[in-house]
């Protein structure tokens, strides 16, 4: 039976107690001098192993729920356990009697890192300079994205059929050239191009990917690494299913905004143009996710908003931003941004990337409570415009 959100909150509380209790025991073990009674050390190791018995069970349920429901609040609670879990893993790794404990805690903290990368990419950008240096993965062409997806699909098909204990190692070998940057680049290509054909291809084996990511890896380091990578792939598939194929969205919600995406025959954007909340036809691929990362990390250089990020990444998710840009409906994000800069972004995007740029501007203005004329009135810094031009080569001033 599927767990409820309340069940997962309870599991997170149990997991927190398991980690904190085991860490206290592990620290007491580390603090003991080399001349300590060997019996005491063995007792502590036994207690740590006993404490960590429910770890795998709790971890599987939390990972699956957070991934399936894209619950950012619970994901944050889960990620908050990362530092303690990694410290616990480090101590356990030093003792032969705690090999299994080290393996289990290793899976746990790596899972937390993947969840963090997926839900909170802004954490990876904390070292970015105020000028907003772009450290995003190299953009892929459609051919490169297709080749990467074919490699992932082949690995999933092969490993899903196998039932022996070597499939973890097999998965590791087949996915050796598919690193985190490539998974991210595939996601960015599909989302920015709104390529539904490629999205369908990429997500076809979603259920199998989730299953493979949850399999026990029998303390094998390579199999463990492959499992974490497959978990990252499964989460990326889930994102594409929700944000490009729009699966799991209620018909009543979509009927009030845009036509059902399942009715679209082409892989381009639906040309609903001037309808408020509709998706606008594009003239080129819009790098929405890279723009989101830039806006959430670039800080204002002068004026009353000096030091503030242009967009509050804690209040606005990349999914919210994607919808705002492609539908020219900024109403949900306008209260969480530096307004003058966002007006500038909307104006420059409209002429560079959208066929009906006048309709786009009118729709964007309405969503901000403005007229098209007042939307075009903004003051921006030269450094901001220069950075924006690097990111969006199609814009013209």
Protein backbone atom coordinates (compact mmCIF):
# COMPACT_ATOMS: atom_id res chain seq x y z
CA UNK A 1 0.00 0.00 0.00
CA UNK A 2 1.31 3.45 -0.94
CA UNK A 3 2.44 5.54 1.98
CA UNK A 4 0.73 8.82 2.80
CA UNK A 5 2.53 12.12 3.35
CA UNK A 6 1.94 11.72 7.09
CA UNK A 7 3.67 8.30 6.93
CA UNK A 8 6.70 9.86 5.24
CA UNK A 9 6.86 12.66 7.84
CA UNK A 10 6.86 9.95 10.50
CA UNK A 11 9.60 8.06 8.62
CA UNK A 12 11.69 11.23 8.38
CA UNK A 13 11.41 11.67 12.15
CA UNK A 14 12.48 8.04 12.66
CA UNK A 15 15.35 8.46 10.19
CA UNK A 16 16.54 11.58 12.01
CA UNK A 17 16.57 9.66 15.31
CA UNK A 18 18.39 6.73 13.71
CA UNK A 19 21.10 9.00 12.29
CA UNK A 20 21.54 11.15 15.42
CA UNK A 21 21.54 8.16 17.79
CA UNK A 22 24.02 6.23 15.68
CA UNK A 23 26.25 9.29 15.28
CA UNK A 24 26.46 9.74 19.06
CA UNK A 25 27.52 6.11 19.42
CA UNK A 26 30.02 6.44 16.57
CA UNK A 27 31.54 9.59 18.06
CA UNK A 28 31.93 7.86 21.42
CA UNK A 29 33.70 5.05 19.57
CA UNK A 30 36.00 7.51 17.80
CA UNK A 31 36.79 9.28 21.08
CA UNK A 32 38.01 6.11 22.75
CA UNK A 33 41.76 5.77 23.01
CA UNK A 34 43.62 2.91 21.37
CA UNK A 35 44.04 1.30 24.79
CA UNK A 36 40.31 1.08 25.47
CA UNK A 37 38.66 -2.19 26.34
CA UNK A 38 38.08 -4.12 23.09
CA UNK A 39 34.82 -5.47 24.49
CA UNK A 40 33.46 -1.94 24.91
CA UNK A 41 34.28 -1.12 21.28
CA UNK A 42 32.60 -4.29 20.02
CA UNK A 43 29.51 -3.48 22.10
CA UNK A 44 29.32 0.00 20.60
CA UNK A 45 29.74 -1.40 17.07
CA UNK A 46 26.99 -3.92 17.73
CA UNK A 47 24.68 -1.16 18.95
CA UNK A 48 25.42 0.96 15.86
CA UNK A 49 24.61 -1.97 13.58
CA UNK A 50 21.38 -2.59 15.47
CA UNK A 51 20.42 1.11 15.33
CA UNK A 52 20.95 1.23 11.56
CA UNK A 53 18.85 -1.84 10.72
CA UNK A 54 15.76 0.19 9.68
CA UNK A 55 17.84 2.65 7.62
CA UNK A 56 17.41 0.93 4.24
CA UNK A 57 13.66 0.52 4.71
CA UNK A 58 13.15 4.15 5.75
CA UNK A 59 15.41 5.43 2.97
CA UNK A 60 13.57 3.55 0.21
CA UNK A 61 10.15 4.85 1.26
CA UNK A 62 11.29 8.47 1.61
CA UNK A 63 13.18 8.49 -1.70
CA UNK A 64 10.28 6.99 -3.60
CA UNK A 65 7.65 9.35 -2.13
CA UNK A 66 9.69 12.53 -2.54
CA UNK A 67 10.58 11.59 -6.14
CA UNK A 68 7.06 10.60 -7.16
CA UNK A 69 5.30 13.58 -5.54
CA UNK A 70 8.08 16.16 -6.04
CA UNK A 71 7.55 17.29 -2.45
CA UNK A 72 10.09 20.08 -2.00
CA UNK A 73 9.32 20.63 1.70
CA UNK A 74 9.95 17.00 2.64
CA UNK A 75 12.97 16.92 0.32
CA UNK A 76 14.46 19.83 2.29
CA UNK A 77 13.92 17.98 5.59
CA UNK A 78 15.59 14.91 4.10
CA UNK A 79 18.58 16.87 2.76
CA UNK A 80 19.10 18.53 6.17
CA UNK A 81 20.29 15.13 7.47
CA UNK A 82 23.14 15.02 4.93
CA UNK A 83 26.02 16.39 7.02
CA UNK A 84 25.37 14.13 10.02
CA UNK A 85 24.88 11.12 7.76
CA UNK A 86 28.13 11.78 5.90
CA UNK A 87 30.01 12.21 9.19
CA UNK A 88 28.53 8.94 10.45
CA UNK A 89 29.61 7.23 7.23
CA UNK A 90 33.16 8.57 7.64
CA UNK A 91 33.49 7.14 11.15
CA UNK A 92 31.93 3.78 10.23
CA UNK A 93 34.34 3.43 7.28
CA UNK A 94 37.28 3.26 9.69
CA UNK A 95 36.10 0.09 11.47
CA UNK A 96 36.01 -3.41 9.96
CA UNK A 97 33.10 -4.36 12.22
CA UNK A 98 31.03 -1.56 10.65
CA UNK A 99 31.49 -2.37 6.95
CA UNK A 100 27.76 -2.86 6.37
CA UNK A 101 26.95 0.25 8.39
CA UNK A 102 29.40 2.23 6.24
CA UNK A 103 27.76 0.92 3.08
CA UNK A 104 24.23 1.77 4.26
CA UNK A 105 25.16 5.27 5.41
CA UNK A 106 27.04 5.80 2.14
CA UNK A 107 23.90 5.03 0.14
CA UNK A 108 21.95 7.35 2.44
CA UNK A 109 24.17 10.43 2.17
CA UNK A 110 24.64 10.00 -1.59
CA UNK A 111 20.86 9.79 -1.96
CA UNK A 112 20.59 13.05 -0.03
CA UNK A 113 23.13 14.66 -2.37
CA UNK A 114 21.15 13.58 -5.45
CA UNK A 115 17.90 14.89 -3.93
CA UNK A 116 19.67 18.16 -3.12
CA UNK A 117 21.05 18.51 -6.68
CA UNK A 118 17.60 17.85 -8.12
CA UNK A 119 15.41 20.01 -5.88
CA UNK A 120 17.85 22.71 -4.81
CA UNK A 121 20.28 23.41 -7.67
CA UNK A 122 20.88 26.87 -6.19
CA UNK A 123 22.95 25.20 -3.43
CA UNK A 124 25.46 24.19 -6.08
CA UNK A 125 25.63 27.80 -7.21
CA UNK A 126 26.58 29.24 -3.81
CA UNK A 127 30.17 29.65 -4.93
CA UNK A 128 29.16 31.56 -8.06
CA UNK A 129 30.43 35.12 -8.14
CA UNK A 130 28.01 38.05 -7.72
CA UNK A 131 28.44 38.76 -11.41
CA UNK A 132 26.55 35.53 -12.07
CA UNK A 133 29.19 33.35 -13.74
CA UNK A 134 27.50 30.54 -15.64
CA UNK A 135 28.75 27.08 -14.69
CA UNK A 136 25.92 25.16 -16.32
CA UNK A 137 26.69 22.01 -18.34
CA UNK A 138 27.55 22.40 -22.02
CA UNK A 139 24.32 22.52 -24.06
CA UNK A 140 23.56 19.43 -26.16
CA UNK A 141 22.31 19.17 -29.71
CA UNK A 142 19.30 16.95 -30.39
CA UNK A 143 21.59 14.26 -31.83
CA UNK A 144 23.80 14.27 -28.72
CA UNK A 145 20.76 14.13 -26.43
CA UNK A 146 19.32 11.23 -28.44
CA UNK A 147 22.60 9.29 -28.27
CA UNK A 148 22.74 9.75 -24.48
CA UNK A 149 19.12 8.67 -24.10
CA UNK A 150 19.77 5.57 -26.24
CA UNK A 151 22.63 4.58 -23.91
CA UNK A 152 20.38 5.01 -20.85
CA UNK A 153 17.52 3.04 -22.46
CA UNK A 154 19.84 0.17 -23.43
CA UNK A 155 21.19 -0.06 -19.87
CA UNK A 156 17.70 -0.08 -18.36
CA UNK A 157 16.38 -2.72 -20.80
CA UNK A 158 19.37 -5.01 -20.22
CA UNK A 159 19.47 -4.68 -16.43
CA UNK A 160 15.69 -4.89 -15.99
CA UNK A 161 15.70 -8.30 -17.75
CA UNK A 162 18.61 -9.72 -15.75
CA UNK A 163 17.90 -11.23 -12.36
CA UNK A 164 21.39 -12.28 -11.29
CA UNK A 165 23.58 -10.47 -8.79
CA UNK A 166 25.81 -8.91 -11.46
CA UNK A 167 23.34 -6.42 -12.88
CA UNK A 168 24.62 -3.67 -10.58
CA UNK A 169 28.11 -4.01 -12.07
CA UNK A 170 26.62 -4.31 -15.55
CA UNK A 171 24.65 -1.12 -15.03
CA UNK A 172 27.82 0.61 -13.79
CA UNK A 173 29.73 -0.39 -16.96
CA UNK A 174 26.93 0.55 -19.39
CA UNK A 175 26.41 3.97 -17.78
CA UNK A 176 30.12 4.75 -17.34
CA UNK A 177 30.03 7.62 -19.86
CA UNK A 178 26.72 9.04 -18.64
CA UNK A 179 27.71 11.42 -15.85
CA UNK A 180 25.70 13.97 -13.88
CA UNK A 181 26.48 16.77 -16.35
CA UNK A 182 25.14 14.74 -19.28
CA UNK A 183 21.93 13.83 -17.43
CA UNK A 184 21.43 17.53 -16.67
CA UNK A 185 22.19 18.50 -20.28
CA UNK A 186 19.61 16.01 -21.60
CA UNK A 187 17.03 17.46 -19.22
CA UNK A 188 17.84 21.03 -20.30
CA UNK A 189 17.61 20.20 -24.01
CA UNK A 190 14.21 18.50 -23.69
CA UNK A 191 12.75 21.22 -21.47
CA UNK A 192 14.14 24.19 -23.40
CA UNK A 193 13.13 22.74 -26.79
CA UNK A 194 9.85 21.37 -25.41
CA UNK A 195 10.71 18.27 -27.44
CA UNK A 196 7.81 15.95 -26.63
CA UNK A 197 9.00 13.17 -28.98
CA UNK A 198 12.33 12.97 -27.17
CA UNK A 199 10.59 13.33 -23.80
CA UNK A 200 8.44 10.28 -24.59
CA UNK A 201 11.51 8.31 -25.62
CA UNK A 202 13.46 9.33 -22.52
CA UNK A 203 10.69 8.52 -20.02
CA UNK A 204 9.41 5.26 -21.56
CA UNK A 205 11.22 3.11 -18.97
CA UNK A 206 10.54 5.36 -15.99
CA UNK A 207 9.04 2.57 -13.83
CA UNK A 208 11.98 0.26 -14.58
CA UNK A 209 14.48 3.03 -13.76
CA UNK A 210 12.82 3.65 -10.38
CA UNK A 211 12.87 -0.09 -9.65
CA UNK A 212 16.55 -0.46 -10.58
CA UNK A 213 17.52 2.54 -8.44
CA UNK A 214 15.91 0.96 -5.38
CA UNK A 215 17.50 -2.49 -5.66
CA UNK A 216 19.89 -3.62 -2.87
CA UNK A 217 23.45 -3.59 -4.21
CA UNK A 218 25.02 -6.16 -1.86
CA UNK A 219 27.74 -3.89 -0.52
CA UNK A 220 29.31 -3.53 -3.98
CA UNK A 221 30.77 -0.05 -4.45
CA UNK A 222 30.35 -0.01 -8.25
CA UNK A 223 26.77 -1.28 -8.00
CA UNK A 224 26.07 1.34 -5.34
CA UNK A 225 27.40 4.09 -7.62
CA UNK A 226 25.26 2.78 -10.51
CA UNK A 227 22.19 2.72 -8.26
CA UNK A 228 22.69 6.35 -7.27
CA UNK A 229 23.17 7.32 -10.94
CA UNK A 230 19.98 5.46 -11.90
CA UNK A 231 18.16 7.26 -9.10
CA UNK A 232 19.30 10.58 -10.59
CA UNK A 233 18.08 9.42 -14.03
CA UNK A 234 14.72 8.34 -12.59
CA UNK A 235 14.23 11.71 -10.89
CA UNK A 236 15.09 13.52 -14.12
CA UNK A 237 12.57 11.37 -15.99
CA UNK A 238 9.95 12.29 -13.40
CA UNK A 239 10.69 15.98 -13.92
CA UNK A 240 10.32 15.65 -17.70
CA UNK A 241 7.05 13.70 -17.33
CA UNK A 242 5.57 16.47 -15.19
CA UNK A 243 6.95 19.55 -16.93
CA UNK A 244 7.10 18.58 -20.61
CA UNK A 245 4.55 15.80 -20.99
CA UNK A 246 2.42 17.30 -18.19
CA UNK A 247 1.49 13.93 -16.74
CA UNK A 248 -0.25 13.79 -13.35
CA UNK A 249 -1.90 17.18 -13.93
CA UNK A 250 -5.66 17.30 -13.47
CA UNK A 251 -7.72 17.86 -16.61
CA UNK A 252 -9.72 20.53 -14.86
CA UNK A 253 -6.61 22.60 -14.18
CA UNK A 254 -5.27 22.36 -17.71
CA UNK A 255 -8.64 23.00 -19.32
CA UNK A 256 -8.70 26.44 -17.71
CA UNK A 257 -5.34 27.42 -19.12
CA UNK A 258 -4.12 25.49 -22.16
CA UNK A 259 -5.35 22.63 -24.35
CA UNK A 260 -4.40 19.13 -23.15
CA UNK A 261 -0.81 18.38 -24.06
CA UNK A 262 -1.74 14.81 -25.03
CA UNK A 263 -3.73 16.26 -27.91
CA UNK A 264 -0.70 17.98 -29.42
CA UNK A 265 0.59 16.27 -32.53
CA UNK A 266 3.72 18.32 -33.05
CA UNK A 267 6.81 18.51 -30.87
CA UNK A 268 6.73 22.34 -30.89
CA UNK A 269 4.95 24.67 -28.51
CA UNK A 270 1.20 25.09 -28.86
CA UNK A 271 0.41 28.37 -30.59
CA UNK A 272 -2.30 29.70 -28.30
CA UNK A 273 -0.55 33.05 -28.55
CA UNK A 274 -2.56 35.89 -27.03
CA UNK A 275 -4.66 33.82 -24.64
CA UNK A 276 -3.64 34.67 -21.06
CA UNK A 277 -1.87 31.68 -19.54
CA UNK A 278 -1.43 29.98 -22.95
CA UNK A 279 1.85 28.65 -24.30
CA UNK A 280 3.42 30.81 -27.00
CA UNK A 281 5.09 29.61 -30.22
CA UNK A 282 8.84 30.14 -30.27
CA UNK A 283 11.28 31.02 -33.04
CA UNK A 284 14.25 29.39 -31.30
CA UNK A 285 15.05 27.20 -28.31
CA UNK A 286 14.65 29.19 -25.09
CA UNK A 287 17.31 28.31 -22.47
CA UNK A 288 14.82 28.61 -19.61
CA UNK A 289 16.65 26.52 -17.00
CA UNK A 290 19.96 28.30 -17.54
CA UNK A 291 18.15 31.62 -17.30
CA UNK A 292 16.55 30.47 -14.04
CA UNK A 293 19.94 29.57 -12.53
CA UNK A 294 21.37 32.91 -13.64
CA UNK A 295 18.51 34.97 -12.16
CA UNK A 296 18.60 33.11 -8.83
CA UNK A 297 22.35 33.62 -8.39
CA UNK A 298 22.98 37.07 -9.90
CA UNK A 299 22.77 39.83 -7.29
CA UNK A 300 21.84 43.47 -7.90
CA UNK A 301 24.94 45.67 -7.99
CA UNK A 302 23.44 49.04 -7.00
CA UNK A 303 20.33 50.89 -5.85
CA UNK A 304 17.82 49.98 -3.11
CA UNK A 305 17.86 46.31 -4.13
CA UNK A 306 21.66 46.01 -3.93
CA UNK A 307 22.75 42.53 -2.83
CA UNK A 308 19.40 40.87 -3.57
CA UNK A 309 19.15 38.00 -6.07
CA UNK A 310 17.07 38.90 -9.10
CA UNK A 311 14.78 35.95 -8.40
CA UNK A 312 14.17 34.24 -5.05
CA UNK A 313 14.97 30.59 -5.73
CA UNK A 314 13.43 29.52 -2.41
CA UNK A 315 10.05 31.01 -3.33
CA UNK A 316 10.08 30.22 -7.07
CA UNK A 317 10.97 26.76 -8.38
CA UNK A 318 12.40 26.14 -11.84
CA UNK A 319 9.05 24.60 -12.72
CA UNK A 320 7.22 27.81 -11.71
CA UNK A 321 9.67 29.87 -13.76
CA UNK A 322 9.30 27.61 -16.80
CA UNK A 323 5.53 28.05 -16.75
CA UNK A 324 5.81 31.82 -16.29
CA UNK A 325 8.17 32.30 -19.23
CA UNK A 326 6.46 29.99 -21.72
CA UNK A 327 2.95 31.23 -20.90
CA UNK A 328 3.87 34.90 -20.47
CA UNK A 329 2.12 34.72 -17.10
CA UNK A 330 4.44 36.20 -14.48
CA UNK A 331 1.74 36.65 -11.84
CA UNK A 332 2.99 33.77 -9.66
CA UNK A 333 6.63 34.94 -9.58
CA UNK A 334 6.38 38.74 -9.84
CA UNK A 335 6.24 39.18 -6.06
CA UNK A 336 9.48 37.23 -5.58
CA UNK A 337 11.79 39.08 -7.96
CA UNK A 338 13.44 42.42 -8.60
CA UNK A 339 10.59 43.84 -10.67
CA UNK A 340 12.51 46.17 -12.99
CA UNK A 341 14.92 43.42 -13.98
CA UNK A 342 12.10 40.92 -14.59
CA UNK A 343 10.31 43.45 -16.84
CA UNK A 344 13.57 43.78 -18.77
CA UNK A 345 13.85 39.99 -19.13
CA UNK A 346 10.26 39.69 -20.40
CA UNK A 347 10.73 42.47 -22.97
CA UNK A 348 14.03 41.09 -24.33
CA UNK A 349 12.75 37.48 -24.42
CA UNK A 350 9.60 38.47 -26.29
CA UNK A 351 11.28 39.95 -29.38
CA UNK A 352 14.10 37.40 -29.51
CA UNK A 353 12.30 34.10 -28.98
CA UNK A 354 8.52 34.40 -29.55
CA UNK A 355 6.67 34.66 -32.85
CA UNK A 356 3.84 36.84 -31.59
CA UNK A 357 6.08 39.08 -29.54
CA UNK A 358 3.45 41.81 -29.24
CA UNK A 359 0.93 39.34 -27.89
CA UNK A 360 3.57 37.97 -25.51
CA UNK A 361 4.29 41.47 -24.15
CA UNK A 362 0.59 42.24 -23.73
CA UNK A 363 0.03 38.99 -21.84
CA UNK A 364 3.13 39.49 -19.66
CA UNK A 365 2.08 43.06 -18.87
CA UNK A 366 -1.42 41.98 -17.80
CA UNK A 367 0.03 39.32 -15.52
CA UNK A 368 2.16 41.99 -13.81
CA UNK A 369 -0.71 44.46 -13.53
CA UNK A 370 0.84 46.77 -16.13
CA UNK A 371 0.19 48.10 -19.62
CA UNK A 372 2.50 47.05 -22.49
CA UNK A 373 3.88 50.58 -22.51
CA UNK A 374 4.74 50.60 -18.79
CA UNK A 375 6.22 47.10 -19.10
CA UNK A 376 8.82 48.52 -21.48
CA UNK A 377 9.96 51.13 -18.93
CA UNK A 378 12.85 49.81 -16.88
CA UNK A 379 16.31 50.84 -15.72
CA UNK A 380 19.03 48.21 -15.70
CA UNK A 381 22.78 48.05 -15.20
CA UNK A 382 25.10 47.58 -18.15
CA UNK A 383 26.76 44.60 -16.44
CA UNK A 384 23.36 42.87 -16.14
CA UNK A 385 22.56 43.43 -19.83
CA UNK A 386 26.01 42.15 -20.82
CA UNK A 387 25.54 38.95 -18.79
CA UNK A 388 22.05 38.50 -20.21
CA UNK A 389 23.38 38.82 -23.76
CA UNK A 390 25.96 36.09 -23.06
CA UNK A 391 23.19 33.82 -21.81
CA UNK A 392 20.60 34.72 -24.46
CA UNK A 393 22.52 35.24 -27.72
CA UNK A 394 19.31 35.88 -29.69
CA UNK A 395 18.41 39.11 -27.88
CA UNK A 396 18.98 42.47 -29.54
CA UNK A 397 19.05 45.84 -27.81
